[in-house]
């Protein structure tokens, strides 16, 4: 097959046509990319950031909030804006738990071993010497060591009777009062308080 010889004018027209086609293809690709980001924005998949008390919080792809304090990375299910309405009146701080055993108490055991306890341990497990369950009285339905608020660091999970949520303290016991679905959020309020994110 013999190739047709093109004049300079025909070659120029063909190159121009190819450039126009390439420009259209690139334009469509760029348009679709932008549309993809636009759709992600409205589908809630866009990652969020928040600055709270000069601390930068970034929401990761799993919906969790990452932040760092003094070179240590932390991660919570909620950000401080989402926990600011929870009354948090405690004197303990991170130093109160450093190199100390930490106990968890509450009834029934299934309640305290859930998301609230995991949220706390995820953030301070590395600083406590160990963690375990504890009973506060001999009438405890579980067979755990009996610990005392005057001498041991204990976090007590207590289900609210009137739908209030709060974090309070009696001696070394921190009482996390939560409603049925709010244990993790109240636990985050506690974490923010002992880390000094909130006051």
C-alpha atoms as a PDB file:
ATOM      1  CA  UNK A   1       0.000   0.000   0.000  1.00  0.00           C
ATOM      2  CA  UNK A   2       1.372   3.323  -1.049  1.00  0.00           C
ATOM      3  CA  UNK A   3       1.215   6.126   1.461  1.00  0.00           C
ATOM      4  CA  UNK A   4      -0.331   9.352   0.232  1.00  0.00           C
ATOM      5  CA  UNK A   5       2.096  12.239   0.164  1.00  0.00           C
ATOM      6  CA  UNK A   6       0.671  15.244   1.993  1.00  0.00           C
ATOM      7  CA  UNK A   7       1.355  18.827   1.276  1.00  0.00           C
ATOM      8  CA  UNK A   8       2.644  21.103   4.025  1.00  0.00           C
ATOM      9  CA  UNK A   9      -0.817  22.645   4.300  1.00  0.00           C
ATOM     10  CA  UNK A  10      -2.478  19.240   4.768  1.00  0.00           C
ATOM     11  CA  UNK A  11       0.124  18.247   7.379  1.00  0.00           C
ATOM     12  CA  UNK A  12      -0.516  21.474   9.265  1.00  0.00           C
ATOM     13  CA  UNK A  13      -4.293  20.856   9.194  1.00  0.00           C
ATOM     14  CA  UNK A  14      -3.814  17.291  10.477  1.00  0.00           C
ATOM     15  CA  UNK A  15      -1.525  18.428  13.318  1.00  0.00           C
ATOM     16  CA  UNK A  16      -4.020  21.145  14.241  1.00  0.00           C
ATOM     17  CA  UNK A  17      -6.851  18.593  14.256  1.00  0.00           C
ATOM     18  CA  UNK A  18      -4.789  16.240  16.503  1.00  0.00           C
ATOM     19  CA  UNK A  19      -3.998  19.100  18.890  1.00  0.00           C
ATOM     20  CA  UNK A  20      -7.691  20.035  19.109  1.00  0.00           C
ATOM     21  CA  UNK A  21      -8.634  16.399  19.814  1.00  0.00           C
ATOM     22  CA  UNK A  22      -5.905  16.110  22.502  1.00  0.00           C
ATOM     23  CA  UNK A  23      -7.033  19.393  24.091  1.00  0.00           C
ATOM     24  CA  UNK A  24     -10.621  18.166  24.225  1.00  0.00           C
ATOM     25  CA  UNK A  25      -9.564  14.817  25.745  1.00  0.00           C
ATOM     26  CA  UNK A  26      -7.390  16.534  28.383  1.00  0.00           C
ATOM     27  CA  UNK A  27     -10.173  19.019  29.106  1.00  0.00           C
ATOM     28  CA  UNK A  28     -12.673  16.187  29.651  1.00  0.00           C
ATOM     29  CA  UNK A  29     -10.228  14.386  31.985  1.00  0.00           C
ATOM     30  CA  UNK A  30      -9.679  17.555  34.016  1.00  0.00           C
ATOM     31  CA  UNK A  31     -13.420  18.210  34.152  1.00  0.00           C
ATOM     32  CA  UNK A  32     -14.132  14.673  35.361  1.00  0.00           C
ATOM     33  CA  UNK A  33     -11.397  14.976  38.027  1.00  0.00           C
ATOM     34  CA  UNK A  34     -12.907  18.191  39.322  1.00  0.00           C
ATOM     35  CA  UNK A  35     -16.360  16.653  39.277  1.00  0.00           C
ATOM     36  CA  UNK A  36     -14.997  13.727  41.308  1.00  0.00           C
ATOM     37  CA  UNK A  37     -13.729  16.057  44.029  1.00  0.00           C
ATOM     38  CA  UNK A  38     -17.020  17.922  43.931  1.00  0.00           C
ATOM     39  CA  UNK A  39     -18.967  14.669  44.419  1.00  0.00           C
ATOM     40  CA  UNK A  40     -16.616  13.609  47.241  1.00  0.00           C
ATOM     41  CA  UNK A  41     -17.213  16.943  48.911  1.00  0.00           C
ATOM     42  CA  UNK A  42     -20.959  16.383  49.002  1.00  0.00           C
ATOM     43  CA  UNK A  43     -20.805  12.706  49.884  1.00  0.00           C
ATOM     44  CA  UNK A  44     -19.022  13.489  53.142  1.00  0.00           C
ATOM     45  CA  UNK A  45     -15.780  11.772  52.134  1.00  0.00           C
ATOM     46  CA  UNK A  46     -13.685  14.918  52.237  1.00  0.00           C
ATOM     47  CA  UNK A  47     -11.301  14.889  55.173  1.00  0.00           C
ATOM     48  CA  UNK A  48     -11.813  17.687  57.704  1.00  0.00           C
ATOM     49  CA  UNK A  49      -9.422  19.693  59.827  1.00  0.00           C
ATOM     50  CA  UNK A  50     -10.017  21.663  63.000  1.00  0.00           C
ATOM     51  CA  UNK A  51      -7.881  23.957  65.106  1.00  0.00           C
ATOM     52  CA  UNK A  52      -8.778  23.910  68.804  1.00  0.00           C
ATOM     53  CA  UNK A  53      -6.667  25.739  71.416  1.00  0.00           C
ATOM     54  CA  UNK A  54      -3.857  25.935  68.833  1.00  0.00           C
ATOM     55  CA  UNK A  55      -3.919  22.163  68.338  1.00  0.00           C
ATOM     56  CA  UNK A  56      -4.541  20.900  64.812  1.00  0.00           C
ATOM     57  CA  UNK A  57      -7.011  18.022  64.468  1.00  0.00           C
ATOM     58  CA  UNK A  58      -7.241  16.118  61.184  1.00  0.00           C
ATOM     59  CA  UNK A  59      -9.980  13.647  60.389  1.00  0.00           C
ATOM     60  CA  UNK A  60      -8.584  10.544  58.698  1.00  0.00           C
ATOM     61  CA  UNK A  61     -10.201   8.267  56.127  1.00  0.00           C
ATOM     62  CA  UNK A  62     -11.814   6.213  58.920  1.00  0.00           C
ATOM     63  CA  UNK A  63     -13.531   9.257  60.423  1.00  0.00           C
ATOM     64  CA  UNK A  64     -11.208   9.359  63.460  1.00  0.00           C
ATOM     65  CA  UNK A  65      -9.479  12.548  64.631  1.00  0.00           C
ATOM     66  CA  UNK A  66      -5.679  12.571  64.717  1.00  0.00           C
ATOM     67  CA  UNK A  67      -3.692  15.154  66.670  1.00  0.00           C
ATOM     68  CA  UNK A  68      -0.303  15.476  68.359  1.00  0.00           C
ATOM     69  CA  UNK A  69       0.843  16.993  71.652  1.00  0.00           C
ATOM     70  CA  UNK A  70       4.504  17.319  72.605  1.00  0.00           C
ATOM     71  CA  UNK A  71       5.470  14.972  69.790  1.00  0.00           C
ATOM     72  CA  UNK A  72       3.030  12.240  70.873  1.00  0.00           C
ATOM     73  CA  UNK A  73       0.277  11.166  68.454  1.00  0.00           C
ATOM     74  CA  UNK A  74      -3.286  10.677  69.705  1.00  0.00           C
ATOM     75  CA  UNK A  75      -6.510   9.572  68.057  1.00  0.00           C
ATOM     76  CA  UNK A  76     -10.111  10.042  69.143  1.00  0.00           C
ATOM     77  CA  UNK A  77     -13.530   9.257  67.722  1.00  0.00           C
ATOM     78  CA  UNK A  78     -14.757  12.808  68.421  1.00  0.00           C
ATOM     79  CA  UNK A  79     -13.123  16.218  68.319  1.00  0.00           C
ATOM     80  CA  UNK A  80     -13.195  18.736  71.210  1.00  0.00           C
ATOM     81  CA  UNK A  81     -16.004  20.754  69.587  1.00  0.00           C
ATOM     82  CA  UNK A  82     -18.189  17.631  69.725  1.00  0.00           C
ATOM     83  CA  UNK A  83     -17.515  17.098  73.435  1.00  0.00           C
ATOM     84  CA  UNK A  84     -17.585  20.683  74.732  1.00  0.00           C
ATOM     85  CA  UNK A  85     -21.125  20.373  76.136  1.00  0.00           C
ATOM     86  CA  UNK A  86     -20.102  17.504  78.437  1.00  0.00           C
ATOM     87  CA  UNK A  87     -19.479  18.706  81.989  1.00  0.00           C
ATOM     88  CA  UNK A  88     -15.919  17.687  82.895  1.00  0.00           C
ATOM     89  CA  UNK A  89     -14.924  18.572  86.452  1.00  0.00           C
ATOM     90  CA  UNK A  90     -11.736  16.733  87.405  1.00  0.00           C
ATOM     91  CA  UNK A  91      -8.323  17.614  88.817  1.00  0.00           C
ATOM     92  CA  UNK A  92      -6.429  14.633  87.390  1.00  0.00           C
ATOM     93  CA  UNK A  93      -4.098  15.197  84.461  1.00  0.00           C
ATOM     94  CA  UNK A  94      -1.793  12.975  82.423  1.00  0.00           C
ATOM     95  CA  UNK A  95       0.826  12.956  85.209  1.00  0.00           C
ATOM     96  CA  UNK A  96      -1.766  11.423  87.554  1.00  0.00           C
ATOM     97  CA  UNK A  97      -1.654   8.240  85.440  1.00  0.00           C
ATOM     98  CA  UNK A  98       1.994   8.151  84.368  1.00  0.00           C
ATOM     99  CA  UNK A  99       3.671   4.890  85.474  1.00  0.00           C
ATOM    100  CA  UNK A 100       0.661   4.077  87.674  1.00  0.00           C
ATOM    101  CA  UNK A 101      -1.770   1.153  87.433  1.00  0.00           C
ATOM    102  CA  UNK A 102      -5.170   2.086  86.039  1.00  0.00           C
ATOM    103  CA  UNK A 103      -8.358   0.215  86.897  1.00  0.00           C
ATOM    104  CA  UNK A 104     -11.777   0.210  85.289  1.00  0.00           C
ATOM    105  CA  UNK A 105     -14.956  -0.473  87.179  1.00  0.00           C
ATOM    106  CA  UNK A 106     -18.690  -0.490  86.559  1.00  0.00           C
ATOM    107  CA  UNK A 107     -21.633  -2.816  86.260  1.00  0.00           C
ATOM    108  CA  UNK A 108     -22.109  -4.887  84.206  1.00  0.00           C
ATOM    109  CA  UNK A 109     -18.663  -5.710  82.886  1.00  0.00           C
ATOM    110  CA  UNK A 110     -19.886  -5.647  79.261  1.00  0.00           C
ATOM    111  CA  UNK A 111     -20.622  -1.939  79.630  1.00  0.00           C
ATOM    112  CA  UNK A 112     -17.159  -0.964  80.814  1.00  0.00           C
ATOM    113  CA  UNK A 113     -15.232  -3.142  78.389  1.00  0.00           C
ATOM    114  CA  UNK A 114     -16.814  -1.437  75.393  1.00  0.00           C
ATOM    115  CA  UNK A 115     -15.967   1.579  73.326  1.00  0.00           C
ATOM    116  CA  UNK A 116     -15.466   4.011  76.220  1.00  0.00           C
ATOM    117  CA  UNK A 117     -12.726   2.016  77.904  1.00  0.00           C
ATOM    118  CA  UNK A 118     -11.062   1.244  74.573  1.00  0.00           C
ATOM    119  CA  UNK A 119     -11.072   4.949  73.692  1.00  0.00           C
ATOM    120  CA  UNK A 120      -9.233   5.806  76.905  1.00  0.00           C
ATOM    121  CA  UNK A 121      -6.720   2.962  76.683  1.00  0.00           C
ATOM    122  CA  UNK A 122      -5.978   3.729  73.030  1.00  0.00           C
ATOM    123  CA  UNK A 123      -4.693   7.114  74.140  1.00  0.00           C
ATOM    124  CA  UNK A 124      -3.023   6.490  77.519  1.00  0.00           C
ATOM    125  CA  UNK A 125      -2.123   2.771  77.529  1.00  0.00           C
ATOM    126  CA  UNK A 126       1.516   3.629  76.831  1.00  0.00           C
ATOM    127  CA  UNK A 127       1.896   5.787  79.964  1.00  0.00           C
ATOM    128  CA  UNK A 128       0.174   3.602  82.585  1.00  0.00           C
ATOM    129  CA  UNK A 129       2.116   0.731  84.139  1.00  0.00           C
ATOM    130  CA  UNK A 130      -0.787  -1.682  83.593  1.00  0.00           C
ATOM    131  CA  UNK A 131      -4.581  -1.724  83.344  1.00  0.00           C
ATOM    132  CA  UNK A 132      -7.219  -4.096  84.645  1.00  0.00           C
ATOM    133  CA  UNK A 133     -10.792  -4.360  85.893  1.00  0.00           C
ATOM    134  CA  UNK A 134     -11.555  -3.762  89.550  1.00  0.00           C
ATOM    135  CA  UNK A 135     -14.394  -4.024  92.039  1.00  0.00           C
ATOM    136  CA  UNK A 136     -15.171  -1.156  94.392  1.00  0.00           C
ATOM    137  CA  UNK A 137     -17.020  -3.275  96.963  1.00  0.00           C
ATOM    138  CA  UNK A 138     -17.145  -6.866  98.099  1.00  0.00           C
ATOM    139  CA  UNK A 139     -20.660  -7.091  96.642  1.00  0.00           C
ATOM    140  CA  UNK A 140     -19.231  -6.888  93.122  1.00  0.00           C
ATOM    141  CA  UNK A 141     -20.758  -9.441  90.754  1.00  0.00           C
ATOM    142  CA  UNK A 142     -17.352 -10.065  89.161  1.00  0.00           C
ATOM    143  CA  UNK A 143     -14.332 -11.781  90.633  1.00  0.00           C
ATOM    144  CA  UNK A 144     -11.822  -8.892  90.384  1.00  0.00           C
ATOM    145  CA  UNK A 145      -9.540  -7.357  92.972  1.00  0.00           C
ATOM    146  CA  UNK A 146     -11.203  -4.836  95.267  1.00  0.00           C
ATOM    147  CA  UNK A 147      -9.677  -1.387  94.823  1.00  0.00           C
ATOM    148  CA  UNK A 148     -10.182   1.877  96.682  1.00  0.00           C
ATOM    149  CA  UNK A 149     -10.686   5.411  95.326  1.00  0.00           C
ATOM    150  CA  UNK A 150      -8.404   6.852  98.006  1.00  0.00           C
ATOM    151  CA  UNK A 151      -5.336   4.913  96.896  1.00  0.00           C
ATOM    152  CA  UNK A 152      -5.949   3.637  93.333  1.00  0.00           C
ATOM    153  CA  UNK A 153      -6.572   5.301  89.980  1.00  0.00           C
ATOM    154  CA  UNK A 154      -9.968   3.994  88.904  1.00  0.00           C
ATOM    155  CA  UNK A 155     -12.222   5.011  86.046  1.00  0.00           C
ATOM    156  CA  UNK A 156     -15.807   4.128  86.851  1.00  0.00           C
ATOM    157  CA  UNK A 157     -18.325   3.872  84.022  1.00  0.00           C
ATOM    158  CA  UNK A 158     -21.818   4.644  85.246  1.00  0.00           C
ATOM    159  CA  UNK A 159     -24.888   4.597  83.016  1.00  0.00           C
ATOM    160  CA  UNK A 160     -26.931   7.768  83.437  1.00  0.00           C
ATOM    161  CA  UNK A 161     -30.371   7.537  85.005  1.00  0.00           C
ATOM    162  CA  UNK A 162     -31.529  10.900  83.638  1.00  0.00           C
ATOM    163  CA  UNK A 163     -29.773  11.103  80.223  1.00  0.00           C
ATOM    164  CA  UNK A 164     -27.034  13.410  81.534  1.00  0.00           C
ATOM    165  CA  UNK A 165     -23.414  12.932  80.546  1.00  0.00           C
ATOM    166  CA  UNK A 166     -20.513  14.092  82.696  1.00  0.00           C
ATOM    167  CA  UNK A 167     -17.012  13.406  83.949  1.00  0.00           C
ATOM    168  CA  UNK A 168     -16.522  13.964  87.681  1.00  0.00           C
ATOM    169  CA  UNK A 169     -13.976  12.963  90.294  1.00  0.00           C
ATOM    170  CA  UNK A 170     -14.115  11.570  93.832  1.00  0.00           C
ATOM    171  CA  UNK A 171     -10.638  11.146  95.297  1.00  0.00           C
ATOM    172  CA  UNK A 172      -8.737   9.122  92.641  1.00  0.00           C
ATOM    173  CA  UNK A 173     -11.902   7.783  91.026  1.00  0.00           C
ATOM    174  CA  UNK A 174     -13.044   9.444  87.823  1.00  0.00           C
ATOM    175  CA  UNK A 175     -16.721   8.773  87.181  1.00  0.00           C
ATOM    176  CA  UNK A 176     -17.780   8.756  83.552  1.00  0.00           C
ATOM    177  CA  UNK A 177     -21.551   9.094  83.455  1.00  0.00           C
ATOM    178  CA  UNK A 178     -22.897   8.277  80.017  1.00  0.00           C
ATOM    179  CA  UNK A 179     -26.099   7.534  78.169  1.00  0.00           C
ATOM    180  CA  UNK A 180     -26.541   4.322  76.223  1.00  0.00           C
ATOM    181  CA  UNK A 181     -24.763   5.407  73.034  1.00  0.00           C
ATOM    182  CA  UNK A 182     -22.500   8.139  74.400  1.00  0.00           C
ATOM    183  CA  UNK A 183     -19.769   6.257  76.310  1.00  0.00           C
ATOM    184  CA  UNK A 184     -17.151   6.889  73.638  1.00  0.00           C
ATOM    185  CA  UNK A 185     -17.928  10.605  73.361  1.00  0.00           C
ATOM    186  CA  UNK A 186     -17.784  11.088  77.161  1.00  0.00           C
ATOM    187  CA  UNK A 187     -14.531   9.091  77.247  1.00  0.00           C
ATOM    188  CA  UNK A 188     -13.105  11.500  74.656  1.00  0.00           C
ATOM    189  CA  UNK A 189     -14.121  14.449  76.860  1.00  0.00           C
ATOM    190  CA  UNK A 190     -12.071  12.811  79.641  1.00  0.00           C
ATOM    191  CA  UNK A 191      -9.100  12.252  77.308  1.00  0.00           C
ATOM    192  CA  UNK A 192      -9.156  15.895  76.143  1.00  0.00           C
ATOM    193  CA  UNK A 193      -9.273  17.096  79.740  1.00  0.00           C
ATOM    194  CA  UNK A 194      -6.351  15.049  81.084  1.00  0.00           C
ATOM    195  CA  UNK A 195      -4.252  15.927  78.016  1.00  0.00           C
ATOM    196  CA  UNK A 196      -4.925  19.624  78.594  1.00  0.00           C
ATOM    197  CA  UNK A 197      -6.728  20.099  75.259  1.00  0.00           C
ATOM    198  CA  UNK A 198      -9.747  21.414  77.185  1.00  0.00           C
ATOM    199  CA  UNK A 199      -9.979  22.947  80.638  1.00  0.00           C
END
